N, C-alpha and C. Protein backbone atom coordinates (compact mmCIF):
# COMPACT_ATOMS: atom_id res chain seq x y z
N MET A 1 20.40 0.17 29.69
CA MET A 1 19.75 -0.98 29.05
C MET A 1 18.31 -0.60 28.69
N TYR A 2 17.90 -1.09 27.54
CA TYR A 2 16.53 -0.84 27.08
C TYR A 2 15.74 -2.14 27.01
N LEU A 3 14.47 -2.00 27.32
CA LEU A 3 13.50 -3.07 27.22
C LEU A 3 12.63 -2.75 26.00
N ALA A 4 12.09 -3.76 25.34
CA ALA A 4 11.19 -3.53 24.21
C ALA A 4 9.80 -4.02 24.55
N SER A 5 8.80 -3.21 24.22
CA SER A 5 7.42 -3.65 24.31
C SER A 5 7.17 -4.53 23.09
N TRP A 6 6.87 -5.79 23.31
CA TRP A 6 6.92 -6.79 22.23
C TRP A 6 5.60 -7.54 22.10
N SER A 7 4.98 -7.44 20.94
CA SER A 7 3.74 -8.18 20.67
C SER A 7 3.99 -9.43 19.85
N GLY A 8 5.19 -9.51 19.25
CA GLY A 8 5.49 -10.59 18.32
C GLY A 8 5.20 -10.22 16.88
N GLY A 9 4.67 -9.01 16.66
CA GLY A 9 4.30 -8.56 15.34
C GLY A 9 5.33 -7.69 14.66
N LYS A 10 5.00 -7.26 13.45
CA LYS A 10 5.95 -6.57 12.59
C LYS A 10 6.40 -5.21 13.12
N ASP A 11 5.50 -4.43 13.74
CA ASP A 11 5.88 -3.09 14.16
C ASP A 11 6.85 -3.11 15.34
N SER A 12 6.60 -3.97 16.32
CA SER A 12 7.54 -4.05 17.43
C SER A 12 8.88 -4.59 16.96
N THR A 13 8.86 -5.51 15.99
CA THR A 13 10.11 -6.05 15.45
C THR A 13 10.91 -4.98 14.73
N LEU A 14 10.25 -4.22 13.87
CA LEU A 14 10.94 -3.17 13.13
C LEU A 14 11.46 -2.09 14.08
N ALA A 15 10.69 -1.77 15.12
CA ALA A 15 11.14 -0.78 16.09
C ALA A 15 12.41 -1.22 16.79
N VAL A 16 12.48 -2.49 17.18
CA VAL A 16 13.68 -3.02 17.84
C VAL A 16 14.86 -3.02 16.87
N ALA A 17 14.63 -3.44 15.63
CA ALA A 17 15.71 -3.46 14.65
C ALA A 17 16.29 -2.06 14.45
N ARG A 18 15.42 -1.07 14.32
CA ARG A 18 15.89 0.30 14.15
C ARG A 18 16.63 0.80 15.39
N ALA A 19 16.10 0.48 16.55
CA ALA A 19 16.75 0.93 17.79
C ALA A 19 18.15 0.34 17.91
N LYS A 20 18.29 -0.94 17.64
CA LYS A 20 19.59 -1.59 17.74
C LYS A 20 20.57 -0.99 16.73
N GLU A 21 20.09 -0.70 15.53
CA GLU A 21 20.95 -0.10 14.51
C GLU A 21 21.42 1.30 14.92
N ALA A 22 20.61 1.98 15.74
CA ALA A 22 20.97 3.32 16.22
C ALA A 22 21.88 3.25 17.44
N GLY A 23 22.24 2.04 17.86
CA GLY A 23 23.15 1.88 18.98
C GLY A 23 22.49 1.69 20.32
N VAL A 24 21.17 1.53 20.33
CA VAL A 24 20.45 1.31 21.59
C VAL A 24 20.66 -0.12 22.05
N GLU A 25 20.99 -0.29 23.31
CA GLU A 25 21.25 -1.61 23.88
C GLU A 25 19.92 -2.23 24.33
N VAL A 26 19.31 -3.01 23.45
CA VAL A 26 18.04 -3.67 23.76
C VAL A 26 18.36 -5.08 24.28
N THR A 27 18.22 -5.27 25.58
CA THR A 27 18.62 -6.55 26.18
C THR A 27 17.44 -7.32 26.76
N GLY A 28 16.24 -6.79 26.63
CA GLY A 28 15.06 -7.50 27.13
C GLY A 28 13.83 -7.14 26.34
N ILE A 29 12.90 -8.08 26.26
CA ILE A 29 11.62 -7.78 25.63
C ILE A 29 10.51 -8.12 26.62
N ALA A 30 9.53 -7.22 26.73
CA ALA A 30 8.40 -7.39 27.63
C ALA A 30 7.17 -7.77 26.81
N ASN A 31 6.58 -8.88 27.17
CA ASN A 31 5.41 -9.38 26.45
C ASN A 31 4.29 -9.64 27.45
N PHE A 32 3.09 -9.20 27.08
CA PHE A 32 1.96 -9.30 28.00
C PHE A 32 0.89 -10.20 27.41
N ILE A 33 0.51 -11.21 28.18
CA ILE A 33 -0.48 -12.19 27.73
C ILE A 33 -1.70 -12.13 28.64
N SER A 34 -2.83 -12.59 28.12
CA SER A 34 -4.06 -12.58 28.91
C SER A 34 -4.01 -13.66 29.98
N ASP A 35 -4.61 -13.38 31.11
CA ASP A 35 -4.59 -14.35 32.20
C ASP A 35 -5.59 -15.48 32.01
N ASP A 36 -6.49 -15.32 31.03
CA ASP A 36 -7.47 -16.38 30.81
C ASP A 36 -7.09 -17.34 29.68
N TYR A 37 -6.65 -16.77 28.53
CA TYR A 37 -6.33 -17.61 27.38
C TYR A 37 -4.84 -17.85 27.17
N ARG A 38 -3.99 -17.13 27.92
CA ARG A 38 -2.53 -17.22 27.78
C ARG A 38 -2.09 -17.01 26.33
N ARG A 39 -2.69 -16.00 25.75
CA ARG A 39 -2.29 -15.55 24.43
C ARG A 39 -1.92 -14.07 24.51
N VAL A 40 -1.13 -13.60 23.55
CA VAL A 40 -0.71 -12.21 23.57
C VAL A 40 -1.94 -11.32 23.55
N ARG A 41 -2.03 -10.43 24.52
CA ARG A 41 -3.18 -9.55 24.61
C ARG A 41 -3.24 -8.64 23.38
N PHE A 42 -4.41 -8.56 22.79
CA PHE A 42 -4.72 -7.77 21.59
C PHE A 42 -4.28 -8.44 20.29
N HIS A 43 -3.37 -9.41 20.33
CA HIS A 43 -2.90 -10.06 19.10
C HIS A 43 -3.38 -11.50 18.97
N GLY A 44 -3.45 -12.23 20.10
CA GLY A 44 -3.95 -13.59 20.06
C GLY A 44 -2.91 -14.66 19.83
N THR A 45 -1.63 -14.30 19.74
CA THR A 45 -0.57 -15.29 19.51
C THR A 45 -0.32 -16.10 20.78
N GLU A 46 -0.10 -17.40 20.62
CA GLU A 46 0.19 -18.27 21.76
C GLU A 46 1.46 -17.81 22.49
N ALA A 47 1.43 -17.86 23.81
CA ALA A 47 2.54 -17.38 24.62
C ALA A 47 3.85 -18.06 24.29
N TYR A 48 3.82 -19.38 24.05
CA TYR A 48 5.07 -20.12 23.82
C TYR A 48 5.77 -19.70 22.54
N LEU A 49 4.99 -19.22 21.55
CA LEU A 49 5.60 -18.77 20.29
C LEU A 49 6.45 -17.52 20.50
N ILE A 50 6.07 -16.67 21.44
CA ILE A 50 6.86 -15.48 21.76
C ILE A 50 8.20 -15.91 22.36
N GLY A 51 8.17 -16.97 23.14
CA GLY A 51 9.42 -17.49 23.71
C GLY A 51 10.39 -17.96 22.65
N ILE A 52 9.86 -18.56 21.59
CA ILE A 52 10.72 -19.00 20.49
C ILE A 52 11.30 -17.79 19.76
N GLN A 53 10.49 -16.78 19.53
CA GLN A 53 11.00 -15.55 18.91
C GLN A 53 12.16 -14.97 19.73
N ALA A 54 11.96 -14.86 21.02
CA ALA A 54 12.98 -14.28 21.89
C ALA A 54 14.28 -15.08 21.82
N GLU A 55 14.15 -16.40 21.81
CA GLU A 55 15.34 -17.26 21.72
C GLU A 55 16.07 -17.03 20.41
N LEU A 56 15.33 -16.95 19.30
CA LEU A 56 15.96 -16.73 18.00
C LEU A 56 16.58 -15.34 17.90
N ALA A 57 16.01 -14.38 18.62
CA ALA A 57 16.55 -13.01 18.60
C ALA A 57 17.71 -12.86 19.58
N GLY A 58 17.86 -13.82 20.48
CA GLY A 58 18.93 -13.73 21.48
C GLY A 58 18.70 -12.62 22.49
N ILE A 59 17.43 -12.35 22.79
CA ILE A 59 17.07 -11.30 23.74
C ILE A 59 16.23 -11.94 24.84
N ARG A 60 16.51 -11.60 26.08
CA ARG A 60 15.80 -12.20 27.20
C ARG A 60 14.32 -11.79 27.20
N LEU A 61 13.45 -12.75 27.42
CA LEU A 61 12.01 -12.50 27.45
C LEU A 61 11.51 -12.36 28.88
N TYR A 62 10.74 -11.29 29.11
CA TYR A 62 10.02 -11.10 30.36
C TYR A 62 8.53 -11.15 29.99
N GLN A 63 7.88 -12.23 30.33
CA GLN A 63 6.48 -12.42 29.94
C GLN A 63 5.60 -12.36 31.19
N ARG A 64 4.52 -11.62 31.10
CA ARG A 64 3.66 -11.40 32.26
C ARG A 64 2.19 -11.56 31.89
N GLU A 65 1.44 -12.28 32.72
CA GLU A 65 0.00 -12.34 32.55
C GLU A 65 -0.62 -11.03 33.01
N THR A 66 -1.66 -10.60 32.30
CA THR A 66 -2.36 -9.36 32.67
C THR A 66 -3.86 -9.61 32.69
N ARG A 67 -4.54 -8.83 33.51
CA ARG A 67 -6.00 -8.91 33.60
C ARG A 67 -6.63 -7.87 32.69
N ALA A 68 -7.77 -8.20 32.11
CA ALA A 68 -8.47 -7.26 31.23
C ALA A 68 -8.83 -5.98 31.98
N GLU A 69 -9.27 -6.11 33.22
CA GLU A 69 -9.70 -4.94 33.99
C GLU A 69 -8.55 -4.29 34.76
N GLY A 70 -7.39 -4.93 34.75
CA GLY A 70 -6.27 -4.36 35.51
C GLY A 70 -5.00 -4.28 34.69
N TYR A 71 -5.16 -4.11 33.36
CA TYR A 71 -4.00 -4.16 32.47
C TYR A 71 -2.94 -3.14 32.84
N GLU A 72 -3.34 -1.88 33.05
CA GLU A 72 -2.34 -0.85 33.33
C GLU A 72 -1.59 -1.15 34.63
N ASP A 73 -2.29 -1.56 35.65
CA ASP A 73 -1.62 -1.88 36.92
C ASP A 73 -0.63 -3.03 36.73
N ASP A 74 -1.03 -4.06 35.99
CA ASP A 74 -0.15 -5.20 35.75
C ASP A 74 1.06 -4.79 34.91
N PHE A 75 0.81 -3.94 33.92
CA PHE A 75 1.90 -3.44 33.07
C PHE A 75 2.92 -2.68 33.92
N LYS A 76 2.44 -1.77 34.73
CA LYS A 76 3.35 -0.95 35.54
C LYS A 76 4.12 -1.80 36.55
N ALA A 77 3.46 -2.78 37.13
CA ALA A 77 4.15 -3.65 38.08
C ALA A 77 5.30 -4.40 37.41
N ALA A 78 5.05 -4.88 36.19
CA ALA A 78 6.09 -5.61 35.45
C ALA A 78 7.25 -4.70 35.10
N ILE A 79 6.97 -3.49 34.66
CA ILE A 79 8.04 -2.59 34.26
C ILE A 79 8.83 -2.08 35.46
N ARG A 80 8.16 -1.88 36.58
CA ARG A 80 8.89 -1.46 37.79
C ARG A 80 9.93 -2.52 38.17
N GLU A 81 9.60 -3.78 37.99
CA GLU A 81 10.56 -4.85 38.27
C GLU A 81 11.78 -4.73 37.37
N ARG A 82 11.56 -4.38 36.13
CA ARG A 82 12.67 -4.24 35.19
C ARG A 82 13.52 -3.00 35.54
N VAL A 83 12.86 -1.92 35.94
CA VAL A 83 13.59 -0.72 36.35
C VAL A 83 14.50 -1.05 37.53
N ALA A 84 14.00 -1.86 38.44
CA ALA A 84 14.79 -2.26 39.61
C ALA A 84 16.01 -3.08 39.20
N GLU A 85 15.94 -3.73 38.03
CA GLU A 85 17.06 -4.52 37.53
C GLU A 85 18.05 -3.68 36.74
N GLY A 86 17.73 -2.42 36.50
CA GLY A 86 18.66 -1.54 35.81
C GLY A 86 18.24 -1.06 34.44
N PHE A 87 17.05 -1.45 33.97
CA PHE A 87 16.58 -0.94 32.68
C PHE A 87 16.20 0.53 32.82
N THR A 88 16.63 1.33 31.83
CA THR A 88 16.38 2.77 31.90
C THR A 88 15.47 3.28 30.78
N GLY A 89 15.25 2.47 29.73
CA GLY A 89 14.43 2.90 28.61
C GLY A 89 13.61 1.75 28.06
N MET A 90 12.59 2.11 27.25
CA MET A 90 11.73 1.09 26.68
C MET A 90 11.33 1.49 25.26
N VAL A 91 11.46 0.54 24.33
CA VAL A 91 11.18 0.76 22.91
C VAL A 91 9.75 0.35 22.61
N PHE A 92 9.03 1.22 21.90
CA PHE A 92 7.65 0.94 21.50
C PHE A 92 7.52 1.04 19.98
N GLY A 93 6.51 0.35 19.42
CA GLY A 93 6.31 0.34 17.98
C GLY A 93 5.12 1.16 17.51
N ASP A 94 4.71 2.17 18.29
CA ASP A 94 3.59 3.02 17.88
C ASP A 94 3.98 3.86 16.67
N ILE A 95 2.97 4.23 15.87
CA ILE A 95 3.24 4.99 14.65
C ILE A 95 2.59 6.37 14.66
N TYR A 96 1.28 6.42 14.94
CA TYR A 96 0.66 7.75 14.88
C TYR A 96 -0.55 7.96 15.81
N LEU A 97 -1.00 6.97 16.52
CA LEU A 97 -2.17 7.16 17.37
C LEU A 97 -1.78 7.94 18.63
N ASP A 98 -2.25 9.19 18.70
CA ASP A 98 -1.86 10.07 19.80
C ASP A 98 -2.24 9.49 21.16
N GLU A 99 -3.41 8.82 21.25
CA GLU A 99 -3.83 8.29 22.54
C GLU A 99 -2.87 7.20 23.04
N HIS A 100 -2.27 6.47 22.11
CA HIS A 100 -1.29 5.46 22.51
C HIS A 100 -0.03 6.13 23.06
N ARG A 101 0.43 7.16 22.35
CA ARG A 101 1.66 7.82 22.81
C ARG A 101 1.45 8.54 24.14
N VAL A 102 0.29 9.16 24.31
CA VAL A 102 0.00 9.82 25.58
C VAL A 102 0.02 8.81 26.72
N TRP A 103 -0.59 7.62 26.48
CA TRP A 103 -0.60 6.58 27.50
C TRP A 103 0.81 6.10 27.80
N VAL A 104 1.59 5.85 26.76
CA VAL A 104 2.96 5.37 26.93
C VAL A 104 3.79 6.36 27.73
N GLU A 105 3.71 7.64 27.37
CA GLU A 105 4.54 8.64 28.05
C GLU A 105 4.11 8.82 29.50
N ARG A 106 2.81 8.77 29.76
CA ARG A 106 2.34 8.91 31.14
C ARG A 106 2.77 7.72 31.99
N VAL A 107 2.53 6.52 31.49
CA VAL A 107 2.84 5.32 32.28
C VAL A 107 4.35 5.17 32.48
N CYS A 108 5.12 5.44 31.44
CA CYS A 108 6.58 5.33 31.59
C CYS A 108 7.11 6.35 32.60
N ALA A 109 6.54 7.55 32.60
CA ALA A 109 6.95 8.56 33.58
C ALA A 109 6.63 8.10 35.00
N GLU A 110 5.49 7.43 35.15
CA GLU A 110 5.08 6.98 36.48
C GLU A 110 5.96 5.86 37.01
N VAL A 111 6.52 5.04 36.14
CA VAL A 111 7.36 3.93 36.61
C VAL A 111 8.85 4.25 36.51
N GLY A 112 9.20 5.39 35.90
CA GLY A 112 10.60 5.82 35.86
C GLY A 112 11.43 5.22 34.76
N ILE A 113 10.82 5.07 33.57
CA ILE A 113 11.58 4.55 32.42
C ILE A 113 11.33 5.46 31.22
N GLU A 114 12.33 5.62 30.38
CA GLU A 114 12.25 6.54 29.24
C GLU A 114 11.69 5.82 28.01
N PRO A 115 10.61 6.36 27.40
CA PRO A 115 10.06 5.72 26.21
C PRO A 115 10.81 6.14 24.94
N LEU A 116 10.94 5.21 24.01
CA LEU A 116 11.56 5.48 22.71
C LEU A 116 10.62 4.96 21.63
N GLU A 117 10.29 5.82 20.65
CA GLU A 117 9.34 5.47 19.58
C GLU A 117 10.04 5.61 18.21
N PRO A 118 10.78 4.58 17.76
CA PRO A 118 11.55 4.69 16.51
C PRO A 118 10.72 4.85 15.24
N LEU A 119 9.44 4.48 15.26
CA LEU A 119 8.61 4.51 14.05
C LEU A 119 7.69 5.72 14.02
N TRP A 120 7.68 6.51 15.05
CA TRP A 120 6.65 7.53 15.23
C TRP A 120 6.62 8.56 14.09
N GLY A 121 5.41 8.80 13.58
CA GLY A 121 5.18 9.87 12.62
C GLY A 121 5.52 9.54 11.18
N GLU A 122 5.92 8.30 10.90
CA GLU A 122 6.31 7.96 9.53
C GLU A 122 5.13 7.38 8.75
N SER A 123 5.24 7.40 7.44
CA SER A 123 4.22 6.85 6.56
C SER A 123 4.08 5.35 6.80
N THR A 124 2.85 4.90 6.99
CA THR A 124 2.65 3.47 7.24
C THR A 124 2.93 2.63 5.99
N VAL A 125 2.71 3.20 4.81
CA VAL A 125 3.07 2.48 3.59
C VAL A 125 4.59 2.31 3.54
N LYS A 126 5.31 3.36 3.88
CA LYS A 126 6.77 3.29 3.90
C LYS A 126 7.26 2.26 4.90
N LEU A 127 6.65 2.21 6.07
CA LEU A 127 7.11 1.29 7.12
C LEU A 127 6.87 -0.16 6.76
N ILE A 128 5.68 -0.48 6.24
CA ILE A 128 5.42 -1.89 5.91
C ILE A 128 6.27 -2.32 4.71
N THR A 129 6.54 -1.38 3.80
CA THR A 129 7.41 -1.69 2.67
C THR A 129 8.84 -1.92 3.16
N GLU A 130 9.29 -1.10 4.09
CA GLU A 130 10.63 -1.28 4.66
C GLU A 130 10.74 -2.63 5.36
N PHE A 131 9.72 -3.00 6.10
CA PHE A 131 9.72 -4.29 6.79
C PHE A 131 9.94 -5.44 5.81
N VAL A 132 9.22 -5.41 4.71
CA VAL A 132 9.35 -6.47 3.70
C VAL A 132 10.71 -6.39 3.01
N ASP A 133 11.12 -5.19 2.63
CA ASP A 133 12.38 -5.01 1.90
C ASP A 133 13.59 -5.42 2.73
N ARG A 134 13.52 -5.29 4.03
CA ARG A 134 14.63 -5.68 4.90
C ARG A 134 14.78 -7.21 4.97
N GLY A 135 13.78 -7.93 4.53
CA GLY A 135 13.85 -9.38 4.56
C GLY A 135 13.15 -10.02 5.73
N PHE A 136 12.36 -9.25 6.47
CA PHE A 136 11.58 -9.83 7.55
C PHE A 136 10.41 -10.63 6.98
N LYS A 137 10.02 -11.66 7.69
CA LYS A 137 8.88 -12.47 7.31
C LYS A 137 7.84 -12.45 8.43
N ALA A 138 6.58 -12.28 8.06
CA ALA A 138 5.51 -12.29 9.06
C ALA A 138 4.26 -12.86 8.43
N VAL A 139 3.46 -13.55 9.24
CA VAL A 139 2.18 -14.06 8.76
C VAL A 139 1.06 -13.28 9.43
N ILE A 140 -0.05 -13.15 8.74
CA ILE A 140 -1.21 -12.44 9.27
C ILE A 140 -1.98 -13.41 10.15
N VAL A 141 -2.09 -13.08 11.44
CA VAL A 141 -2.71 -14.02 12.39
C VAL A 141 -4.10 -13.58 12.83
N SER A 142 -4.49 -12.35 12.53
CA SER A 142 -5.85 -11.94 12.84
C SER A 142 -6.23 -10.77 11.94
N GLY A 143 -7.52 -10.60 11.72
CA GLY A 143 -7.98 -9.50 10.89
C GLY A 143 -9.44 -9.21 11.13
N MET A 144 -9.78 -7.92 11.14
CA MET A 144 -11.19 -7.54 11.22
C MET A 144 -11.87 -7.95 9.92
N GLN A 145 -12.98 -8.62 10.04
CA GLN A 145 -13.67 -9.10 8.84
C GLN A 145 -14.10 -7.96 7.92
N GLU A 146 -14.36 -6.78 8.48
CA GLU A 146 -14.77 -5.65 7.64
C GLU A 146 -13.62 -5.10 6.80
N HIS A 147 -12.39 -5.45 7.14
CA HIS A 147 -11.24 -4.92 6.41
C HIS A 147 -10.39 -5.99 5.73
N ILE A 148 -10.29 -7.18 6.29
CA ILE A 148 -9.37 -8.21 5.82
C ILE A 148 -10.14 -9.45 5.37
N GLY A 149 -9.89 -9.89 4.16
CA GLY A 149 -10.53 -11.10 3.66
C GLY A 149 -9.97 -12.34 4.34
N ARG A 150 -10.80 -13.35 4.49
CA ARG A 150 -10.38 -14.60 5.14
C ARG A 150 -9.18 -15.22 4.45
N GLU A 151 -9.08 -15.02 3.12
CA GLU A 151 -8.01 -15.65 2.35
C GLU A 151 -6.62 -15.17 2.75
N TRP A 152 -6.55 -14.02 3.44
CA TRP A 152 -5.24 -13.49 3.83
C TRP A 152 -4.75 -14.03 5.18
N ILE A 153 -5.63 -14.60 5.95
CA ILE A 153 -5.22 -15.09 7.27
C ILE A 153 -4.29 -16.30 7.09
N GLY A 154 -3.13 -16.21 7.69
CA GLY A 154 -2.12 -17.26 7.54
C GLY A 154 -1.15 -16.99 6.41
N LYS A 155 -1.42 -15.97 5.60
CA LYS A 155 -0.55 -15.64 4.47
C LYS A 155 0.58 -14.71 4.93
N THR A 156 1.64 -14.65 4.12
CA THR A 156 2.79 -13.81 4.43
C THR A 156 2.56 -12.36 4.03
N VAL A 157 3.03 -11.45 4.86
CA VAL A 157 3.02 -10.03 4.51
C VAL A 157 4.03 -9.82 3.39
N ASN A 158 3.57 -9.41 2.21
CA ASN A 158 4.45 -9.22 1.06
C ASN A 158 3.93 -8.07 0.19
N GLY A 159 4.52 -7.93 -0.98
CA GLY A 159 4.11 -6.85 -1.86
C GLY A 159 2.65 -6.92 -2.27
N ASP A 160 2.16 -8.12 -2.48
CA ASP A 160 0.75 -8.29 -2.85
C ASP A 160 -0.17 -7.81 -1.72
N PHE A 161 0.20 -8.13 -0.50
CA PHE A 161 -0.63 -7.70 0.63
C PHE A 161 -0.57 -6.18 0.80
N ILE A 162 0.60 -5.60 0.58
CA ILE A 162 0.71 -4.14 0.65
C ILE A 162 -0.22 -3.48 -0.36
N GLU A 163 -0.24 -3.99 -1.58
CA GLU A 163 -1.13 -3.43 -2.61
C GLU A 163 -2.59 -3.63 -2.22
N TYR A 164 -2.89 -4.77 -1.63
CA TYR A 164 -4.26 -5.06 -1.17
C TYR A 164 -4.70 -4.01 -0.15
N MET A 165 -3.82 -3.71 0.81
CA MET A 165 -4.16 -2.74 1.85
C MET A 165 -4.22 -1.31 1.30
N LYS A 166 -3.38 -0.99 0.33
CA LYS A 166 -3.41 0.35 -0.27
C LYS A 166 -4.73 0.58 -1.00
N GLY A 167 -5.39 -0.49 -1.40
CA GLY A 167 -6.67 -0.38 -2.08
C GLY A 167 -7.85 -0.28 -1.14
N LYS A 168 -7.57 -0.18 0.16
CA LYS A 168 -8.64 -0.07 1.16
C LYS A 168 -8.50 1.27 1.88
N PRO A 169 -9.15 2.32 1.38
CA PRO A 169 -8.97 3.66 1.94
C PRO A 169 -9.42 3.80 3.39
N GLN A 170 -10.31 2.93 3.86
CA GLN A 170 -10.78 3.02 5.24
C GLN A 170 -9.88 2.27 6.22
N ALA A 171 -8.88 1.59 5.70
CA ALA A 171 -8.00 0.79 6.56
C ALA A 171 -6.57 1.30 6.47
N ASP A 172 -5.83 1.12 7.54
CA ASP A 172 -4.43 1.54 7.56
C ASP A 172 -3.54 0.41 7.04
N PRO A 173 -2.58 0.72 6.15
CA PRO A 173 -1.71 -0.33 5.59
C PRO A 173 -0.94 -1.13 6.64
N CYS A 174 -0.60 -0.51 7.77
CA CYS A 174 0.12 -1.21 8.83
C CYS A 174 -0.82 -1.82 9.87
N GLY A 175 -2.12 -1.60 9.70
CA GLY A 175 -3.05 -2.11 10.71
C GLY A 175 -2.93 -1.38 12.03
N GLU A 176 -2.56 -0.11 11.98
CA GLU A 176 -2.31 0.65 13.20
C GLU A 176 -3.56 0.79 14.07
N LYS A 177 -4.72 0.72 13.46
CA LYS A 177 -5.97 0.84 14.23
C LYS A 177 -6.60 -0.53 14.52
N GLY A 178 -5.77 -1.58 14.45
CA GLY A 178 -6.23 -2.91 14.80
C GLY A 178 -6.88 -3.68 13.68
N GLU A 179 -6.73 -3.19 12.43
CA GLU A 179 -7.34 -3.88 11.30
C GLU A 179 -6.84 -5.31 11.15
N TYR A 180 -5.56 -5.51 11.46
CA TYR A 180 -4.99 -6.86 11.43
C TYR A 180 -3.76 -6.91 12.32
N HIS A 181 -3.35 -8.12 12.65
CA HIS A 181 -2.14 -8.31 13.45
C HIS A 181 -1.29 -9.41 12.81
N THR A 182 0.00 -9.38 13.12
CA THR A 182 0.94 -10.32 12.50
C THR A 182 1.79 -11.04 13.54
N PHE A 183 2.40 -12.12 13.09
CA PHE A 183 3.39 -12.84 13.89
C PHE A 183 4.64 -12.98 13.03
N VAL A 184 5.75 -12.45 13.51
CA VAL A 184 6.99 -12.47 12.75
C VAL A 184 7.66 -13.84 12.87
N THR A 185 7.99 -14.41 11.73
CA THR A 185 8.56 -15.76 11.72
C THR A 185 10.05 -15.80 11.39
N GLY A 186 10.62 -14.69 10.95
CA GLY A 186 12.04 -14.67 10.64
C GLY A 186 12.48 -13.33 10.09
N GLY A 187 13.79 -13.22 9.85
CA GLY A 187 14.34 -11.98 9.31
C GLY A 187 15.68 -11.66 9.94
N PRO A 188 16.24 -10.50 9.59
CA PRO A 188 17.61 -10.17 10.00
C PRO A 188 17.83 -10.02 11.51
N LEU A 189 16.77 -9.89 12.28
CA LEU A 189 16.94 -9.77 13.73
C LEU A 189 17.10 -11.13 14.40
N PHE A 190 16.81 -12.21 13.65
CA PHE A 190 16.71 -13.55 14.24
C PHE A 190 17.75 -14.50 13.67
N ASN A 191 18.20 -15.40 14.53
CA ASN A 191 19.13 -16.45 14.11
C ASN A 191 18.34 -17.72 13.84
N GLY A 192 17.56 -17.69 12.78
CA GLY A 192 16.70 -18.81 12.44
C GLY A 192 15.31 -18.33 12.11
N SER A 193 14.41 -19.27 11.88
CA SER A 193 13.04 -18.90 11.49
C SER A 193 12.05 -19.94 12.02
N ILE A 194 10.79 -19.55 12.02
CA ILE A 194 9.70 -20.42 12.45
C ILE A 194 8.83 -20.72 11.24
N GLU A 195 8.59 -21.99 10.98
CA GLU A 195 7.73 -22.39 9.87
C GLU A 195 6.44 -22.98 10.44
N ILE A 196 5.32 -22.36 10.12
CA ILE A 196 4.04 -22.88 10.56
C ILE A 196 3.65 -24.03 9.65
N THR A 197 3.47 -25.21 10.22
CA THR A 197 3.20 -26.41 9.41
C THR A 197 1.73 -26.84 9.42
N GLU A 198 1.00 -26.40 10.42
CA GLU A 198 -0.44 -26.72 10.46
C GLU A 198 -1.16 -25.61 11.20
N SER A 199 -2.25 -25.14 10.63
CA SER A 199 -3.03 -24.08 11.26
C SER A 199 -4.48 -24.15 10.78
N GLU A 200 -5.32 -23.40 11.46
CA GLU A 200 -6.74 -23.35 11.10
C GLU A 200 -7.24 -21.94 11.28
N VAL A 201 -8.03 -21.46 10.32
CA VAL A 201 -8.64 -20.14 10.42
C VAL A 201 -9.99 -20.29 11.12
N ILE A 202 -10.19 -19.51 12.18
CA ILE A 202 -11.45 -19.56 12.90
C ILE A 202 -12.07 -18.17 12.93
N GLU A 203 -13.35 -18.11 13.20
CA GLU A 203 -14.10 -16.86 13.22
C GLU A 203 -14.57 -16.59 14.63
N ARG A 204 -14.37 -15.33 15.10
CA ARG A 204 -14.81 -14.99 16.44
C ARG A 204 -15.07 -13.49 16.56
N SER A 205 -16.29 -13.14 16.89
CA SER A 205 -16.67 -11.75 17.21
C SER A 205 -16.23 -10.74 16.16
N GLY A 206 -16.46 -11.06 14.89
CA GLY A 206 -16.11 -10.13 13.83
C GLY A 206 -14.67 -10.16 13.37
N PHE A 207 -13.89 -11.16 13.85
CA PHE A 207 -12.49 -11.28 13.48
C PHE A 207 -12.23 -12.66 12.86
N TRP A 208 -11.27 -12.70 11.96
CA TRP A 208 -10.66 -13.95 11.53
C TRP A 208 -9.42 -14.14 12.38
N LEU A 209 -9.21 -15.36 12.88
CA LEU A 209 -8.06 -15.65 13.72
C LEU A 209 -7.35 -16.91 13.23
N LEU A 210 -6.02 -16.90 13.29
CA LEU A 210 -5.24 -18.07 12.90
C LEU A 210 -4.87 -18.86 14.15
N ASP A 211 -5.35 -20.08 14.22
CA ASP A 211 -5.00 -20.99 15.31
C ASP A 211 -3.83 -21.85 14.84
N ILE A 212 -2.64 -21.57 15.36
CA ILE A 212 -1.43 -22.29 14.95
C ILE A 212 -1.36 -23.60 15.72
N LYS A 213 -1.38 -24.70 15.01
CA LYS A 213 -1.43 -26.02 15.65
C LYS A 213 -0.06 -26.70 15.72
N SER A 214 0.80 -26.48 14.74
CA SER A 214 2.14 -27.07 14.78
C SER A 214 3.10 -26.19 14.00
N TYR A 215 4.37 -26.35 14.28
CA TYR A 215 5.40 -25.50 13.68
C TYR A 215 6.74 -26.21 13.73
N GLU A 216 7.70 -25.68 12.99
CA GLU A 216 9.07 -26.16 13.04
C GLU A 216 9.99 -24.95 13.19
N VAL A 217 11.05 -25.12 13.97
CA VAL A 217 12.05 -24.07 14.13
C VAL A 217 13.27 -24.44 13.30
N ASN A 218 13.64 -23.55 12.41
CA ASN A 218 14.78 -23.80 11.53
C ASN A 218 15.93 -22.88 11.92
N LYS A 219 17.06 -23.48 12.24
CA LYS A 219 18.26 -22.72 12.60
C LYS A 219 19.38 -23.04 11.62
N PRO A 220 20.27 -22.07 11.39
CA PRO A 220 21.41 -22.34 10.48
C PRO A 220 22.24 -23.50 11.01
N SER A 221 22.61 -24.40 10.11
CA SER A 221 23.44 -25.54 10.52
C SER A 221 24.87 -25.08 10.71
N LEU A 222 25.53 -25.67 11.69
CA LEU A 222 26.93 -25.34 11.96
C LEU A 222 27.84 -26.23 11.13
N THR A 223 28.82 -25.61 10.49
CA THR A 223 29.77 -26.37 9.68
C THR A 223 31.16 -26.23 10.28
N ALA A 224 31.95 -27.24 10.08
CA ALA A 224 33.31 -27.24 10.64
C ALA A 224 34.19 -26.26 9.90
């Protein structure tokens, strides 16, 4: 059984989709939220929205609070619990940052789980294009002000956004260096979709952030 490292964003989603297509049995997703704001650490998405994603994907969610100063210890404690339940591997959505892969491989070795990186080493333009072409939907929920205009916060990742990012040579098209983060609202991995009905863009410490205030969950209707 494999666990997925899950932020709720496009890269972790695409990594899980690819892993499942390759025959990997992904039966759990691990999501880490801050112990102070109860939002996804590094992304800012509300914890409850990750629960809705997991339900629509039909994959069990393991959500854990983590401390800013004790993140690695909290991460390892959570994964050791999963290893004790029989998980043998973990899927990650890293693309090219060597320091991320070194950390992943070291920590996974220490807790006894095998890391899998389905997106590693590929063109970020190719990956974000594949994400859109597959029919996945995601909204931009945060962005560094030096790289992302306020007008894009809350907008859907699409061809126009890809062209926008390709025109920024100092920024990565997939946001691999934290230029922006996304929240996936639907696509082929999910049995339904999430529609954001009310939100507000706020400014904090050099970032634009999307505060999602209300939403609707849309599921396929059952017919006789």
